[in-house]
C-alpha atoms as a PDB file:
ATOM      1  CA  UNK A   1       4.795  14.723  -1.807  1.00  0.00           C
ATOM      2  CA  UNK A   2       4.877  12.311   1.346  1.00  0.00           C
ATOM      3  CA  UNK A   3       7.758  11.469   2.937  1.00  0.00           C
ATOM      4  CA  UNK A   4       8.979   7.680   3.078  1.00  0.00           C
ATOM      5  CA  UNK A   5       9.893   8.224   6.875  1.00  0.00           C
ATOM      6  CA  UNK A   6       6.324   8.680   7.608  1.00  0.00           C
ATOM      7  CA  UNK A   7       5.273   5.192   6.303  1.00  0.00           C
ATOM      8  CA  UNK A   8       5.813   2.488   9.166  1.00  0.00           C
ATOM      9  CA  UNK A   9       5.441  -1.170   9.245  1.00  0.00           C
ATOM     10  CA  UNK A  10       1.990  -2.606   9.947  1.00  0.00           C
ATOM     11  CA  UNK A  11       0.029   0.760   9.080  1.00  0.00           C
ATOM     12  CA  UNK A  12      -3.268   0.203   7.453  1.00  0.00           C
ATOM     13  CA  UNK A  13      -3.481   1.192   3.550  1.00  0.00           C
ATOM     14  CA  UNK A  14      -6.762   2.799   2.416  1.00  0.00           C
ATOM     15  CA  UNK A  15      -8.038   3.730  -0.943  1.00  0.00           C
ATOM     16  CA  UNK A  16      -9.496   7.213  -1.806  1.00  0.00           C
ATOM     17  CA  UNK A  17     -12.958   5.656  -1.440  1.00  0.00           C
ATOM     18  CA  UNK A  18     -12.104   4.767   2.096  1.00  0.00           C
ATOM     19  CA  UNK A  19     -11.524   0.772   1.586  1.00  0.00           C
ATOM     20  CA  UNK A  20      -8.894  -0.918   3.225  1.00  0.00           C
ATOM     21  CA  UNK A  21      -6.398  -2.394   0.548  1.00  0.00           C
ATOM     22  CA  UNK A  22      -3.690  -3.969   2.701  1.00  0.00           C
ATOM     23  CA  UNK A  23      -0.797  -3.446   5.563  1.00  0.00           C
ATOM     24  CA  UNK A  24       2.240  -2.188   5.303  1.00  0.00           C
ATOM     25  CA  UNK A  25       5.002  -4.889   5.255  1.00  0.00           C
ATOM     26  CA  UNK A  26       7.984  -2.453   4.531  1.00  0.00           C
ATOM     27  CA  UNK A  27       9.312  -0.258   1.988  1.00  0.00           C
ATOM     28  CA  UNK A  28      10.725  -1.468  -1.047  1.00  0.00           C
ATOM     29  CA  UNK A  29      13.713   0.718  -1.835  1.00  0.00           C
ATOM     30  CA  UNK A  30      12.845   4.629  -1.573  1.00  0.00           C
ATOM     31  CA  UNK A  31       9.845   4.706  -4.067  1.00  0.00           C
ATOM     32  CA  UNK A  32       7.391   1.686  -3.260  1.00  0.00           C
ATOM     33  CA  UNK A  33       5.411   0.243  -0.531  1.00  0.00           C
ATOM     34  CA  UNK A  34       5.447  -3.998  -0.225  1.00  0.00           C
ATOM     35  CA  UNK A  35       2.014  -5.010   1.738  1.00  0.00           C
ATOM     36  CA  UNK A  36       1.805  -7.748   3.533  1.00  0.00           C
ATOM     37  CA  UNK A  37       0.698 -10.984   1.709  1.00  0.00           C
ATOM     38  CA  UNK A  38      -1.550 -12.337   4.734  1.00  0.00           C
ATOM     39  CA  UNK A  39      -3.665  -9.413   3.874  1.00  0.00           C
ATOM     40  CA  UNK A  40      -3.963 -10.229   0.284  1.00  0.00           C
ATOM     41  CA  UNK A  41      -6.823 -10.937  -1.426  1.00  0.00           C
ATOM     42  CA  UNK A  42      -5.436 -14.020  -2.830  1.00  0.00           C
ATOM     43  CA  UNK A  43      -3.213 -14.575   0.770  1.00  0.00           C
ATOM     44  CA  UNK A  44      -0.215 -15.998  -1.317  1.00  0.00           C
ATOM     45  CA  UNK A  45       1.426 -12.590  -2.682  1.00  0.00           C
ATOM     46  CA  UNK A  46       2.808  -9.455  -1.657  1.00  0.00           C
ATOM     47  CA  UNK A  47       1.944  -6.363  -3.466  1.00  0.00           C
ATOM     48  CA  UNK A  48       3.936  -3.249  -4.238  1.00  0.00           C
ATOM     49  CA  UNK A  49       2.319   0.244  -4.514  1.00  0.00           C
ATOM     50  CA  UNK A  50       4.338   3.301  -5.657  1.00  0.00           C
ATOM     51  CA  UNK A  51       5.021   5.680  -3.069  1.00  0.00           C
ATOM     52  CA  UNK A  52       3.470   8.356  -5.694  1.00  0.00           C
ATOM     53  CA  UNK A  53      -0.005   7.098  -4.889  1.00  0.00           C
ATOM     54  CA  UNK A  54       0.026   8.044  -1.113  1.00  0.00           C
ATOM     55  CA  UNK A  55      -1.917  11.168  -0.704  1.00  0.00           C
ATOM     56  CA  UNK A  56      -1.195  11.596   2.766  1.00  0.00           C
ATOM     57  CA  UNK A  57      -0.529   9.820   6.219  1.00  0.00           C
ATOM     58  CA  UNK A  58      -2.004   9.957   9.458  1.00  0.00           C
ATOM     59  CA  UNK A  59      -2.644   6.860  11.594  1.00  0.00           C
ATOM     60  CA  UNK A  60      -2.936   5.025   8.388  1.00  0.00           C
ATOM     61  CA  UNK A  61      -1.853   5.527   4.783  1.00  0.00           C
ATOM     62  CA  UNK A  62      -4.160   7.112   2.556  1.00  0.00           C
ATOM     63  CA  UNK A  63      -4.037   6.730  -1.382  1.00  0.00           C
ATOM     64  CA  UNK A  64      -5.337   8.789  -4.244  1.00  0.00           C
ATOM     65  CA  UNK A  65      -6.767   6.154  -5.916  1.00  0.00           C
ATOM     66  CA  UNK A  66     -10.033   3.912  -5.403  1.00  0.00           C
ATOM     67  CA  UNK A  67      -9.541   0.445  -4.173  1.00  0.00           C
ATOM     68  CA  UNK A  68     -10.416  -1.003  -7.691  1.00  0.00           C
ATOM     69  CA  UNK A  69      -7.907   1.130  -9.454  1.00  0.00           C
ATOM     70  CA  UNK A  70      -5.333  -0.127  -6.806  1.00  0.00           C
ATOM     71  CA  UNK A  71      -5.844  -3.776  -7.064  1.00  0.00           C
ATOM     72  CA  UNK A  72      -6.128  -3.345 -10.821  1.00  0.00           C
ATOM     73  CA  UNK A  73      -3.014  -1.401 -10.955  1.00  0.00           C
ATOM     74  CA  UNK A  74      -0.439  -2.537  -7.959  1.00  0.00           C
ATOM     75  CA  UNK A  75       2.499  -4.925  -8.715  1.00  0.00           C
ATOM     76  CA  UNK A  76       2.355  -8.807  -7.680  1.00  0.00           C
ATOM     77  CA  UNK A  77       5.619 -10.420  -5.979  1.00  0.00           C
ATOM     78  CA  UNK A  78       5.457 -13.859  -5.697  1.00  0.00           C
ATOM     79  CA  UNK A  79       7.497 -13.926  -2.480  1.00  0.00           C
END
């Protein structure tokens, strides 16, 4: 499992199929990543993804799910 300390603000988040799905805003608790709303498809909401979806971290956060699955399953946050 990836350590939360490896994930930094403003890192690009990429899906398993290499698509950009967001940018890290910050960690929400110890088990979720909050994505910036400016980079959101709707431009109005933050989205949360579980740390369990992270496959590995290098210069980017790489997820173990395809972009369509990420967008279908992430959690919407109003603010």
